[in-house]
C-alpha atoms as a PDB file:
ATOM      1  CA  MET A   1      -4.147  47.977  49.112  1.00  0.00           C
ATOM      2  CA  ASP A   2      -0.635  48.231  50.558  1.00  0.00           C
ATOM      3  CA  SER A   3       1.529  49.853  47.875  1.00  0.00           C
ATOM      4  CA  LYS A   4       4.314  47.390  48.707  1.00  0.00           C
ATOM      5  CA  SER A   5       2.083  44.342  48.255  1.00  0.00           C
ATOM      6  CA  PRO A   6       2.255  42.368  45.003  1.00  0.00           C
ATOM      7  CA  SER A   7      -0.392  43.501  42.545  1.00  0.00           C
ATOM      8  CA  TYR A   8      -2.232  40.159  42.755  1.00  0.00           C
ATOM      9  CA  ARG A   9      -2.953  40.677  46.479  1.00  0.00           C
ATOM     10  CA  LYS A  10      -5.940  42.775  45.624  1.00  0.00           C
ATOM     11  CA  THR A  11      -8.591  44.004  48.027  1.00  0.00           C
ATOM     12  CA  TYR A  12     -12.277  44.642  47.528  1.00  0.00           C
ATOM     13  CA  THR A  13     -13.819  48.050  48.128  1.00  0.00           C
ATOM     14  CA  PRO A  14     -16.252  48.697  51.006  1.00  0.00           C
ATOM     15  CA  GLU A  15     -19.021  48.797  48.409  1.00  0.00           C
ATOM     16  CA  GLN A  16     -18.000  45.396  47.033  1.00  0.00           C
ATOM     17  CA  LEU A  17     -17.917  43.950  50.549  1.00  0.00           C
ATOM     18  CA  GLN A  18     -21.521  45.036  51.077  1.00  0.00           C
ATOM     19  CA  VAL A  19     -22.524  43.264  47.849  1.00  0.00           C
ATOM     20  CA  TYR A  20     -20.663  40.178  49.089  1.00  0.00           C
ATOM     21  CA  TYR A  21     -22.505  40.345  52.429  1.00  0.00           C
ATOM     22  CA  GLU A  22     -25.791  40.417  50.564  1.00  0.00           C
ATOM     23  CA  ARG A  23     -24.729  37.454  48.414  1.00  0.00           C
ATOM     24  CA  ILE A  24     -24.040  35.286  51.479  1.00  0.00           C
ATOM     25  CA  LYS A  25     -27.024  36.704  53.435  1.00  0.00           C
ATOM     26  CA  LEU A  26     -24.884  37.820  56.367  1.00  0.00           C
ATOM     27  CA  PRO A  27     -27.132  39.087  59.209  1.00  0.00           C
ATOM     28  CA  GLN A  28     -27.813  42.805  58.818  1.00  0.00           C
ATOM     29  CA  ASP A  29     -26.436  43.742  62.242  1.00  0.00           C
ATOM     30  CA  LEU A  30     -22.991  42.471  61.232  1.00  0.00           C
ATOM     31  CA  ARG A  31     -22.701  44.250  57.887  1.00  0.00           C
ATOM     32  CA  ASP A  32     -21.591  47.635  59.239  1.00  0.00           C
ATOM     33  CA  LYS A  33     -19.204  46.270  61.874  1.00  0.00           C
ATOM     34  CA  ASN A  34     -15.754  47.869  61.897  1.00  0.00           C
ATOM     35  CA  VAL A  35     -13.989  44.575  61.337  1.00  0.00           C
ATOM     36  CA  SER A  36     -10.506  46.054  60.867  1.00  0.00           C
ATOM     37  CA  ARG A  37     -10.615  47.222  64.511  1.00  0.00           C
ATOM     38  CA  ILE A  38     -11.280  43.712  65.862  1.00  0.00           C
ATOM     39  CA  ALA A  39      -9.777  41.473  63.136  1.00  0.00           C
ATOM     40  CA  ARG A  40      -6.793  40.403  65.248  1.00  0.00           C
ATOM     41  CA  THR A  41      -8.753  39.800  68.459  1.00  0.00           C
ATOM     42  CA  LYS A  42     -11.016  37.065  69.845  1.00  0.00           C
ATOM     43  CA  GLU A  43     -13.993  39.162  68.751  1.00  0.00           C
ATOM     44  CA  GLY A  44     -12.564  39.050  65.239  1.00  0.00           C
ATOM     45  CA  LEU A  45     -12.311  35.262  65.502  1.00  0.00           C
ATOM     46  CA  LEU A  46     -16.038  35.108  66.252  1.00  0.00           C
ATOM     47  CA  PHE A  47     -16.801  37.307  63.229  1.00  0.00           C
ATOM     48  CA  LEU A  48     -14.528  35.150  61.064  1.00  0.00           C
ATOM     49  CA  SER A  49     -16.330  31.993  62.192  1.00  0.00           C
ATOM     50  CA  THR A  50     -19.712  33.514  61.356  1.00  0.00           C
ATOM     51  CA  LEU A  51     -18.518  34.766  57.971  1.00  0.00           C
ATOM     52  CA  GLN A  52     -17.121  31.339  57.096  1.00  0.00           C
ATOM     53  CA  LYS A  53     -20.397  29.576  57.924  1.00  0.00           C
ATOM     54  CA  TYR A  54     -22.449  31.973  55.842  1.00  0.00           C
ATOM     55  CA  GLN A  55     -20.159  31.625  52.837  1.00  0.00           C
ATOM     56  CA  LEU A  56     -20.241  27.832  53.110  1.00  0.00           C
ATOM     57  CA  ALA A  57     -24.041  27.866  53.232  1.00  0.00           C
ATOM     58  CA  ALA A  58     -24.382  30.278  50.298  1.00  0.00           C
ATOM     59  CA  VAL A  59     -21.527  29.509  47.911  1.00  0.00           C
ATOM     60  CA  PRO A  60     -21.372  25.954  46.536  1.00  0.00           C
ATOM     61  CA  PHE A  61     -18.246  23.946  45.930  1.00  0.00           C
ATOM     62  CA  GLU A  62     -18.557  23.157  42.217  1.00  0.00           C
ATOM     63  CA  ASN A  63     -16.571  22.599  39.044  1.00  0.00           C
ATOM     64  CA  LEU A  64     -19.250  23.503  36.507  1.00  0.00           C
ATOM     65  CA  ASP A  65     -17.059  25.842  34.433  1.00  0.00           C
ATOM     66  CA  LEU A  66     -15.082  22.799  33.317  1.00  0.00           C
ATOM     67  CA  HIS A  67     -18.244  21.272  31.840  1.00  0.00           C
ATOM     68  CA  TYR A  68     -20.947  23.921  31.440  1.00  0.00           C
ATOM     69  CA  SER A  69     -19.180  26.778  29.679  1.00  0.00           C
ATOM     70  CA  THR A  70     -17.896  27.854  26.284  1.00  0.00           C
ATOM     71  CA  HIS A  71     -14.286  27.959  27.503  1.00  0.00           C
ATOM     72  CA  HIS A  72     -13.994  24.954  29.905  1.00  0.00           C
ATOM     73  CA  SER A  73     -11.412  26.725  32.037  1.00  0.00           C
ATOM     74  CA  ILE A  74     -10.954  28.257  35.504  1.00  0.00           C
ATOM     75  CA  THR A  75      -9.688  31.806  36.153  1.00  0.00           C
ATOM     76  CA  LEU A  76      -8.383  32.861  39.573  1.00  0.00           C
ATOM     77  CA  ASP A  77      -8.251  36.638  39.167  1.00  0.00           C
ATOM     78  CA  PRO A  78      -9.973  38.147  42.252  1.00  0.00           C
ATOM     79  CA  GLU A  79     -12.119  40.529  40.193  1.00  0.00           C
ATOM     80  CA  HIS A  80     -13.252  37.692  37.943  1.00  0.00           C
ATOM     81  CA  LEU A  81     -14.112  35.593  41.007  1.00  0.00           C
ATOM     82  CA  PHE A  82     -16.093  38.474  42.482  1.00  0.00           C
ATOM     83  CA  HIS A  83     -18.069  38.867  39.251  1.00  0.00           C
ATOM     84  CA  LYS A  84     -18.690  35.146  38.833  1.00  0.00           C
ATOM     85  CA  ILE A  85     -19.626  34.258  42.419  1.00  0.00           C
ATOM     86  CA  VAL A  86     -21.006  37.534  43.793  1.00  0.00           C
ATOM     87  CA  GLU A  87     -22.081  40.059  41.157  1.00  0.00           C
ATOM     88  CA  ARG A  88     -23.859  37.660  38.816  1.00  0.00           C
ATOM     89  CA  ASN A  89     -25.961  36.495  41.786  1.00  0.00           C
ATOM     90  CA  ASN A  90     -27.022  33.292  40.054  1.00  0.00           C
ATOM     91  CA  GLY A  91     -25.966  30.826  42.733  1.00  0.00           C
ATOM     92  CA  ARG A  92     -22.531  30.065  41.329  1.00  0.00           C
ATOM     93  CA  GLY A  93     -19.493  29.048  43.348  1.00  0.00           C
ATOM     94  CA  GLY A  94     -16.296  27.314  42.345  1.00  0.00           C
ATOM     95  CA  TYR A  95     -13.751  24.760  43.398  1.00  0.00           C
ATOM     96  CA  CYS A  96     -11.192  25.280  46.155  1.00  0.00           C
ATOM     97  CA  MET A  97      -8.924  27.849  44.503  1.00  0.00           C
ATOM     98  CA  GLU A  98     -11.940  29.913  43.461  1.00  0.00           C
ATOM     99  CA  ASN A  99     -13.929  29.866  46.700  1.00  0.00           C
ATOM    100  CA  SER A 100     -10.865  30.242  48.910  1.00  0.00           C
ATOM    101  CA  GLY A 101      -9.395  32.852  46.575  1.00  0.00           C
ATOM    102  CA  LEU A 102     -12.552  34.942  46.935  1.00  0.00           C
ATOM    103  CA  PHE A 103     -12.699  34.445  50.706  1.00  0.00           C
ATOM    104  CA  ALA A 104      -9.007  35.268  51.168  1.00  0.00           C
ATOM    105  CA  THR A 105      -9.499  38.545  49.298  1.00  0.00           C
ATOM    106  CA  VAL A 106     -12.534  39.356  51.459  1.00  0.00           C
ATOM    107  CA  LEU A 107     -10.564  38.642  54.653  1.00  0.00           C
ATOM    108  CA  ARG A 108      -7.613  40.730  53.470  1.00  0.00           C
ATOM    109  CA  SER A 109      -9.990  43.568  52.625  1.00  0.00           C
ATOM    110  CA  LEU A 110     -11.443  43.412  56.138  1.00  0.00           C
ATOM    111  CA  GLY A 111      -8.029  43.658  57.786  1.00  0.00           C
ATOM    112  CA  PHE A 112      -7.405  40.059  58.840  1.00  0.00           C
ATOM    113  CA  ASP A 113      -3.795  38.867  59.061  1.00  0.00           C
ATOM    114  CA  ILE A 114      -3.832  36.063  56.503  1.00  0.00           C
ATOM    115  CA  MET A 115      -1.721  34.013  54.177  1.00  0.00           C
ATOM    116  CA  THR A 116      -2.711  31.245  51.790  1.00  0.00           C
ATOM    117  CA  THR A 117      -0.886  28.001  51.239  1.00  0.00           C
ATOM    118  CA  GLY A 118      -1.196  24.834  49.223  1.00  0.00           C
ATOM    119  CA  ALA A 119      -2.296  21.443  50.478  1.00  0.00           C
ATOM    120  CA  ARG A 120      -1.988  17.889  49.235  1.00  0.00           C
ATOM    121  CA  VAL A 121      -5.375  16.171  49.111  1.00  0.00           C
ATOM    122  CA  ASN A 122      -5.485  12.526  50.135  1.00  0.00           C
ATOM    123  CA  GLU A 123      -7.022   9.936  47.816  1.00  0.00           C
ATOM    124  CA  ALA A 124      -9.180   8.801  50.745  1.00  0.00           C
ATOM    125  CA  ILE A 125     -11.725  11.554  49.991  1.00  0.00           C
ATOM    126  CA  GLU A 126     -11.606  11.221  46.202  1.00  0.00           C
ATOM    127  CA  PRO A 127     -13.779   8.950  43.996  1.00  0.00           C
ATOM    128  CA  VAL A 128     -10.828   6.587  43.424  1.00  0.00           C
ATOM    129  CA  SER A 129     -11.133   5.400  47.045  1.00  0.00           C
ATOM    130  CA  ALA A 130     -14.417   3.661  46.186  1.00  0.00           C
ATOM    131  CA  LYS A 131     -12.872   1.559  43.426  1.00  0.00           C
ATOM    132  CA  GLU A 132     -12.156  -2.127  43.907  1.00  0.00           C
ATOM    133  CA  GLY A 133      -8.489  -2.754  44.552  1.00  0.00           C
ATOM    134  CA  TRP A 134      -7.739   0.760  45.812  1.00  0.00           C
ATOM    135  CA  ALA A 135      -4.279   0.602  47.385  1.00  0.00           C
ATOM    136  CA  GLY A 136      -5.086   2.861  50.325  1.00  0.00           C
ATOM    137  CA  PRO A 137      -4.545   6.465  51.430  1.00  0.00           C
ATOM    138  CA  ARG A 138      -1.895   8.386  49.517  1.00  0.00           C
ATOM    139  CA  TYR A 139      -1.362  12.084  48.991  1.00  0.00           C
ATOM    140  CA  GLY A 140      -1.382  13.728  45.592  1.00  0.00           C
ATOM    141  CA  GLY A 141       0.586  16.795  44.572  1.00  0.00           C
ATOM    142  CA  TRP A 142      -0.216  20.362  45.608  1.00  0.00           C
ATOM    143  CA  ASN A 143      -3.835  20.599  44.485  1.00  0.00           C
ATOM    144  CA  HIS A 144      -5.767  22.477  47.174  1.00  0.00           C
ATOM    145  CA  MET A 145      -5.765  26.016  48.604  1.00  0.00           C
ATOM    146  CA  ILE A 146      -6.320  26.839  52.264  1.00  0.00           C
ATOM    147  CA  ILE A 147      -6.122  30.034  54.312  1.00  0.00           C
ATOM    148  CA  LEU A 148      -4.160  30.538  57.538  1.00  0.00           C
ATOM    149  CA  VAL A 149      -5.393  33.377  59.757  1.00  0.00           C
ATOM    150  CA  ALA A 150      -3.297  34.708  62.659  1.00  0.00           C
ATOM    151  CA  ILE A 151      -5.200  35.954  65.713  1.00  0.00           C
ATOM    152  CA  GLU A 152      -3.574  36.764  69.070  1.00  0.00           C
ATOM    153  CA  GLY A 153      -0.539  34.568  68.494  1.00  0.00           C
ATOM    154  CA  MET A 154      -2.465  31.556  67.200  1.00  0.00           C
ATOM    155  CA  LYS A 155      -2.811  30.429  63.597  1.00  0.00           C
ATOM    156  CA  TYR A 156      -6.143  29.054  62.408  1.00  0.00           C
ATOM    157  CA  LEU A 157      -6.893  26.838  59.417  1.00  0.00           C
ATOM    158  CA  VAL A 158      -9.771  28.313  57.409  1.00  0.00           C
ATOM    159  CA  ASP A 159     -11.166  26.347  54.465  1.00  0.00           C
ATOM    160  CA  VAL A 160     -14.201  27.223  52.340  1.00  0.00           C
ATOM    161  CA  GLY A 161     -13.296  24.993  49.406  1.00  0.00           C
ATOM    162  CA  ASN A 162     -13.430  21.371  50.508  1.00  0.00           C
ATOM    163  CA  GLY A 163     -17.083  20.472  50.231  1.00  0.00           C
ATOM    164  CA  SER A 164     -18.615  18.372  53.001  1.00  0.00           C
ATOM    165  CA  THR A 165     -15.374  17.044  54.511  1.00  0.00           C
ATOM    166  CA  GLY A 166     -13.700  20.358  55.348  1.00  0.00           C
ATOM    167  CA  SER A 167     -13.727  22.167  58.671  1.00  0.00           C
ATOM    168  CA  VAL A 168     -16.763  24.461  58.911  1.00  0.00           C
ATOM    169  CA  SER A 169     -15.124  26.757  61.468  1.00  0.00           C
ATOM    170  CA  PRO A 170     -11.610  28.156  62.061  1.00  0.00           C
ATOM    171  CA  LEU A 171      -9.432  25.352  63.417  1.00  0.00           C
ATOM    172  CA  PRO A 172      -6.402  26.254  65.587  1.00  0.00           C
ATOM    173  CA  LEU A 173      -3.105  24.670  64.630  1.00  0.00           C
ATOM    174  CA  ILE A 174      -2.933  22.468  67.721  1.00  0.00           C
ATOM    175  CA  HIS A 175      -1.786  18.859  67.521  1.00  0.00           C
ATOM    176  CA  ALA A 176      -4.444  16.169  68.082  1.00  0.00           C
ATOM    177  CA  GLU A 177      -7.120  18.425  69.592  1.00  0.00           C
ATOM    178  CA  ILE A 178     -10.513  16.939  68.641  1.00  0.00           C
ATOM    179  CA  SER A 179     -13.580  19.088  68.003  1.00  0.00           C
ATOM    180  CA  GLN A 180     -17.040  18.674  66.488  1.00  0.00           C
ATOM    181  CA  ASN A 181     -17.591  19.530  62.849  1.00  0.00           C
ATOM    182  CA  ILE A 182     -20.986  18.677  61.293  1.00  0.00           C
ATOM    183  CA  GLY A 183     -23.392  16.692  63.463  1.00  0.00           C
ATOM    184  CA  PRO A 184     -21.570  13.569  64.697  1.00  0.00           C
ATOM    185  CA  GLN A 185     -18.576  14.284  62.462  1.00  0.00           C
ATOM    186  CA  GLU A 186     -15.348  15.126  64.305  1.00  0.00           C
ATOM    187  CA  LYS A 187     -12.184  16.843  63.101  1.00  0.00           C
ATOM    188  CA  ARG A 188      -8.613  17.348  64.201  1.00  0.00           C
ATOM    189  CA  LEU A 189      -5.158  18.349  63.059  1.00  0.00           C
ATOM    190  CA  VAL A 190      -2.124  16.182  63.695  1.00  0.00           C
ATOM    191  CA  TYR A 191       1.456  17.241  63.113  1.00  0.00           C
ATOM    192  CA  GLU A 192       3.492  14.362  61.734  1.00  0.00           C
ATOM    193  CA  SER A 193       5.225  12.914  58.690  1.00  0.00           C
ATOM    194  CA  ILE A 194       3.427  11.552  55.633  1.00  0.00           C
ATOM    195  CA  PRO A 195       4.125   8.445  53.498  1.00  0.00           C
ATOM    196  CA  ASP A 196       6.464   8.414  50.500  1.00  0.00           C
ATOM    197  CA  LEU A 197       8.941  10.982  51.855  1.00  0.00           C
ATOM    198  CA  THR A 198      12.653  10.206  51.803  1.00  0.00           C
ATOM    199  CA  ASP A 199      13.068  12.412  54.876  1.00  0.00           C
ATOM    200  CA  SER A 200      10.642  11.167  57.538  1.00  0.00           C
ATOM    201  CA  SER A 201      11.641  13.980  59.885  1.00  0.00           C
ATOM    202  CA  GLN A 202       9.791  16.443  57.630  1.00  0.00           C
ATOM    203  CA  LYS A 203       6.408  17.125  59.194  1.00  0.00           C
ATOM    204  CA  PHE A 204       3.051  18.395  57.961  1.00  0.00           C
ATOM    205  CA  TRP A 205      -0.187  19.516  59.502  1.00  0.00           C
ATOM    206  CA  ILE A 206      -2.678  16.808  58.529  1.00  0.00           C
ATOM    207  CA  TYR A 207      -6.368  17.636  58.606  1.00  0.00           C
ATOM    208  CA  GLN A 208      -8.432  14.553  59.441  1.00  0.00           C
ATOM    209  CA  HIS A 209     -12.124  13.867  59.923  1.00  0.00           C
ATOM    210  CA  ARG A 210     -14.267  10.942  61.006  1.00  0.00           C
ATOM    211  CA  ASN A 211     -18.039  10.601  60.741  1.00  0.00           C
ATOM    212  CA  ALA A 212     -18.462   9.046  64.191  1.00  0.00           C
ATOM    213  CA  THR A 213     -16.315   8.467  67.267  1.00  0.00           C
ATOM    214  CA  ASP A 214     -16.159   4.710  66.632  1.00  0.00           C
ATOM    215  CA  LEU A 215     -14.871   5.117  63.061  1.00  0.00           C
ATOM    216  CA  PRO A 216     -11.235   5.528  61.957  1.00  0.00           C
ATOM    217  CA  TRP A 217      -9.799   8.941  61.148  1.00  0.00           C
ATOM    218  CA  ILE A 218      -9.730   9.760  57.435  1.00  0.00           C
ATOM    219  CA  PRO A 219      -6.734  11.793  56.219  1.00  0.00           C
ATOM    220  CA  THR A 220      -8.206  14.659  54.195  1.00  0.00           C
ATOM    221  CA  TYR A 221      -5.213  16.803  53.242  1.00  0.00           C
ATOM    222  CA  CYS A 222      -1.857  17.938  54.555  1.00  0.00           C
ATOM    223  CA  PHE A 223      -0.085  21.308  54.466  1.00  0.00           C
ATOM    224  CA  GLN A 224       2.826  23.282  55.858  1.00  0.00           C
ATOM    225  CA  GLU A 225       3.085  26.895  56.973  1.00  0.00           C
ATOM    226  CA  THR A 226       4.753  28.105  53.780  1.00  0.00           C
ATOM    227  CA  GLU A 227       3.080  30.953  51.928  1.00  0.00           C
ATOM    228  CA  PHE A 228       2.189  30.187  48.326  1.00  0.00           C
ATOM    229  CA  LEU A 229       2.364  32.785  45.592  1.00  0.00           C
ATOM    230  CA  HIS A 230      -0.194  33.528  42.916  1.00  0.00           C
ATOM    231  CA  ASN A 231       2.057  31.802  40.381  1.00  0.00           C
ATOM    232  CA  ASP A 232       1.943  28.616  42.486  1.00  0.00           C
ATOM    233  CA  TYR A 233      -1.836  28.566  42.212  1.00  0.00           C
ATOM    234  CA  THR A 234      -1.625  29.285  38.494  1.00  0.00           C
ATOM    235  CA  VAL A 235       0.355  26.057  38.061  1.00  0.00           C
ATOM    236  CA  MET A 236      -1.916  24.113  40.436  1.00  0.00           C
ATOM    237  CA  ASN A 237      -5.048  25.402  38.739  1.00  0.00           C
ATOM    238  CA  TYR A 238      -3.805  24.533  35.266  1.00  0.00           C
ATOM    239  CA  TYR A 239      -3.129  20.914  36.212  1.00  0.00           C
ATOM    240  CA  THR A 240      -6.314  20.498  38.240  1.00  0.00           C
ATOM    241  CA  SER A 241      -8.544  21.924  35.515  1.00  0.00           C
ATOM    242  CA  THR A 242      -6.942  20.348  32.422  1.00  0.00           C
ATOM    243  CA  ASN A 243      -5.134  17.104  33.214  1.00  0.00           C
ATOM    244  CA  ARG A 244      -7.049  13.907  32.431  1.00  0.00           C
ATOM    245  CA  ALA A 245      -5.790  12.394  35.684  1.00  0.00           C
ATOM    246  CA  SER A 246      -7.675  15.102  37.615  1.00  0.00           C
ATOM    247  CA  PHE A 247     -11.125  13.826  38.572  1.00  0.00           C
ATOM    248  CA  PHE A 248     -12.504  17.361  38.185  1.00  0.00           C
ATOM    249  CA  THR A 249     -12.190  16.946  34.412  1.00  0.00           C
ATOM    250  CA  PHE A 250     -14.432  13.882  34.177  1.00  0.00           C
ATOM    251  CA  HIS A 251     -16.902  14.316  37.053  1.00  0.00           C
ATOM    252  CA  VAL A 252     -19.567  16.986  37.549  1.00  0.00           C
ATOM    253  CA  ILE A 253     -19.651  18.039  41.207  1.00  0.00           C
ATOM    254  CA  CYS A 254     -21.730  20.505  43.197  1.00  0.00           C
ATOM    255  CA  THR A 255     -21.926  20.570  47.010  1.00  0.00           C
ATOM    256  CA  LYS A 256     -23.617  23.122  49.221  1.00  0.00           C
ATOM    257  CA  LEU A 257     -23.677  23.069  53.003  1.00  0.00           C
ATOM    258  CA  ILE A 258     -26.950  23.424  54.871  1.00  0.00           C
ATOM    259  CA  MET A 259     -27.255  25.808  57.808  1.00  0.00           C
ATOM    260  CA  GLU A 260     -30.126  25.851  60.296  1.00  0.00           C
ATOM    261  CA  ASP A 261     -30.347  28.443  63.081  1.00  0.00           C
ATOM    262  CA  GLY A 262     -26.746  29.469  62.492  1.00  0.00           C
ATOM    263  CA  VAL A 263     -25.375  25.902  62.643  1.00  0.00           C
ATOM    264  CA  ILE A 264     -24.070  23.836  59.718  1.00  0.00           C
ATOM    265  CA  VAL A 265     -26.034  20.575  59.910  1.00  0.00           C
ATOM    266  CA  GLY A 266     -25.305  18.838  56.624  1.00  0.00           C
ATOM    267  CA  ASN A 267     -24.997  19.156  52.876  1.00  0.00           C
ATOM    268  CA  VAL A 268     -26.681  18.488  49.576  1.00  0.00           C
ATOM    269  CA  THR A 269     -24.429  17.082  46.852  1.00  0.00           C
ATOM    270  CA  LEU A 270     -24.795  16.478  43.138  1.00  0.00           C
ATOM    271  CA  PHE A 271     -22.258  13.987  41.816  1.00  0.00           C
ATOM    272  CA  ASN A 272     -22.630  13.259  38.114  1.00  0.00           C
ATOM    273  CA  GLY A 273     -26.196  11.890  37.899  1.00  0.00           C
ATOM    274  CA  GLU A 274     -27.189  11.625  41.548  1.00  0.00           C
ATOM    275  CA  VAL A 275     -28.270  14.103  44.215  1.00  0.00           C
ATOM    276  CA  LYS A 276     -27.933  13.217  47.908  1.00  0.00           C
ATOM    277  CA  LYS A 277     -28.728  15.057  51.100  1.00  0.00           C
ATOM    278  CA  ARG A 278     -26.872  14.341  54.330  1.00  0.00           C
ATOM    279  CA  ILE A 279     -28.230  15.782  57.584  1.00  0.00           C
ATOM    280  CA  LEU A 280     -26.575  15.032  60.944  1.00  0.00           C
ATOM    281  CA  GLY A 281     -24.969  11.892  59.550  1.00  0.00           C
ATOM    282  CA  LYS A 282     -28.052  10.475  57.785  1.00  0.00           C
ATOM    283  CA  THR A 283     -28.035  10.305  53.965  1.00  0.00           C
ATOM    284  CA  THR A 284     -31.052  10.448  51.651  1.00  0.00           C
ATOM    285  CA  VAL A 285     -31.049  10.111  47.864  1.00  0.00           C
ATOM    286  CA  LEU A 286     -33.044  13.018  46.455  1.00  0.00           C
ATOM    287  CA  ALA A 287     -32.821  12.344  42.734  1.00  0.00           C
ATOM    288  CA  ILE A 288     -31.375  10.074  40.069  1.00  0.00           C
ATOM    289  CA  LEU A 289     -30.749  12.147  36.941  1.00  0.00           C
ATOM    290  CA  THR A 290     -31.101  10.551  33.518  1.00  0.00           C
ATOM    291  CA  SER A 291     -30.789  13.548  31.198  1.00  0.00           C
ATOM    292  CA  GLU A 292     -29.144  16.943  30.923  1.00  0.00           C
ATOM    293  CA  ALA A 293     -32.538  18.596  31.343  1.00  0.00           C
ATOM    294  CA  GLU A 294     -32.984  16.828  34.673  1.00  0.00           C
ATOM    295  CA  ARG A 295     -29.499  17.828  35.863  1.00  0.00           C
ATOM    296  CA  ILE A 296     -30.041  21.484  34.916  1.00  0.00           C
ATOM    297  CA  GLU A 297     -33.337  21.403  36.798  1.00  0.00           C
ATOM    298  CA  ALA A 298     -31.668  19.752  39.818  1.00  0.00           C
ATOM    299  CA  LEU A 299     -28.953  22.420  39.957  1.00  0.00           C
ATOM    300  CA  GLU A 300     -31.612  25.099  40.271  1.00  0.00           C
ATOM    301  CA  LYS A 301     -33.973  23.153  42.537  1.00  0.00           C
ATOM    302  CA  TYR A 302     -31.442  21.947  45.100  1.00  0.00           C
ATOM    303  CA  PHE A 303     -28.701  24.579  44.824  1.00  0.00           C
ATOM    304  CA  GLY A 304     -30.414  27.705  43.499  1.00  0.00           C
ATOM    305  CA  LEU A 305     -27.876  27.641  40.690  1.00  0.00           C
ATOM    306  CA  ARG A 306     -28.955  29.019  37.325  1.00  0.00           C
ATOM    307  CA  LEU A 307     -26.932  28.447  34.164  1.00  0.00           C
ATOM    308  CA  SER A 308     -27.245  30.598  31.070  1.00  0.00           C
ATOM    309  CA  ARG A 309     -28.222  29.059  27.745  1.00  0.00           C
ATOM    310  CA  ALA A 310     -24.609  29.304  26.531  1.00  0.00           C
ATOM    311  CA  GLU A 311     -23.383  27.553  29.667  1.00  0.00           C
ATOM    312  CA  ARG A 312     -25.950  24.765  29.302  1.00  0.00           C
ATOM    313  CA  GLU A 313     -24.917  24.234  25.684  1.00  0.00           C
ATOM    314  CA  GLY A 314     -21.237  24.013  26.676  1.00  0.00           C
ATOM    315  CA  ILE A 315     -21.474  20.417  27.884  1.00  0.00           C
ATOM    316  CA  LYS A 316     -22.544  19.051  24.501  1.00  0.00           C
ATOM    317  CA  GLY A 317     -20.037  16.485  23.291  1.00  0.00           C
ATOM    318  CA  MET A 318     -18.236  16.330  26.663  1.00  0.00           C
ATOM    319  CA  VAL A 319     -17.579  12.990  28.334  1.00  0.00           C
ATOM    320  CA  THR A 320     -19.663  14.217  31.287  1.00  0.00           C
ATOM    321  CA  GLU A 321     -22.801  14.879  29.238  1.00  0.00           C
ATOM    322  CA  ILE A 322     -25.760  12.742  30.325  1.00  0.00           C
END
């Protein structure tokens, strides 16, 4: 670690990186690559894209610590994240600040030129959008973490913490350039103002997706190119994990992307008491869960996620208990 870097910008050791590679099942021929030599080249971009896909397919987006634990809290320390997601090897992941926090530390350890920043998630991808009388797309406060990676003069958006609506590959910061995401789903970034600002000349990068070319673009989140500090995420994490207005506190969520032959083709998602699978735009209901025993079983069956007895007991008395 650079002696001039803040203490929270930790790096993982080469030994830890090998354990991480095993956790995400990275192909063996890539595990001994000298990534620091290529990290700022087009070859490094290819490695980054591969690494992102394998993390997305191995590490679920989930908020289970807020429901299935003795402490009902989220910790963002890089060593804690490594232990929880990698070392325990029980299928666990985390929500955006956990998964992206882990991935950012991995990328920094490999020699990539990165910074992290906050994003404002749009209500359009949250459960509130399905309610009758929803007023329409609006952005919340800073409640999401993304990574910006600089390679050969271009910055790329990298996101491993947005479930099934995020970009599954590095996305260059280019206005209105459309590319494929998962199956028929398309993605793009636009650079423009957002609603509710008093100064409409202030612009943001807005990540959008649509599930087919004949459907409207859905605003997913917006961000600027301002580096966030660890203390910023501490504030964001506290609100997101404790405030009753945060849907993470009253919904149980687990999403894992599905990769076939090196291509992300869909996802399997548990939302409260239902499990769905979406492959190349087609959705199938896999299970309707009517008890905690069924949900625990579903987490292991569909996600390979195993909770300890203490974690399973932690949901007793919670509003999210089935």
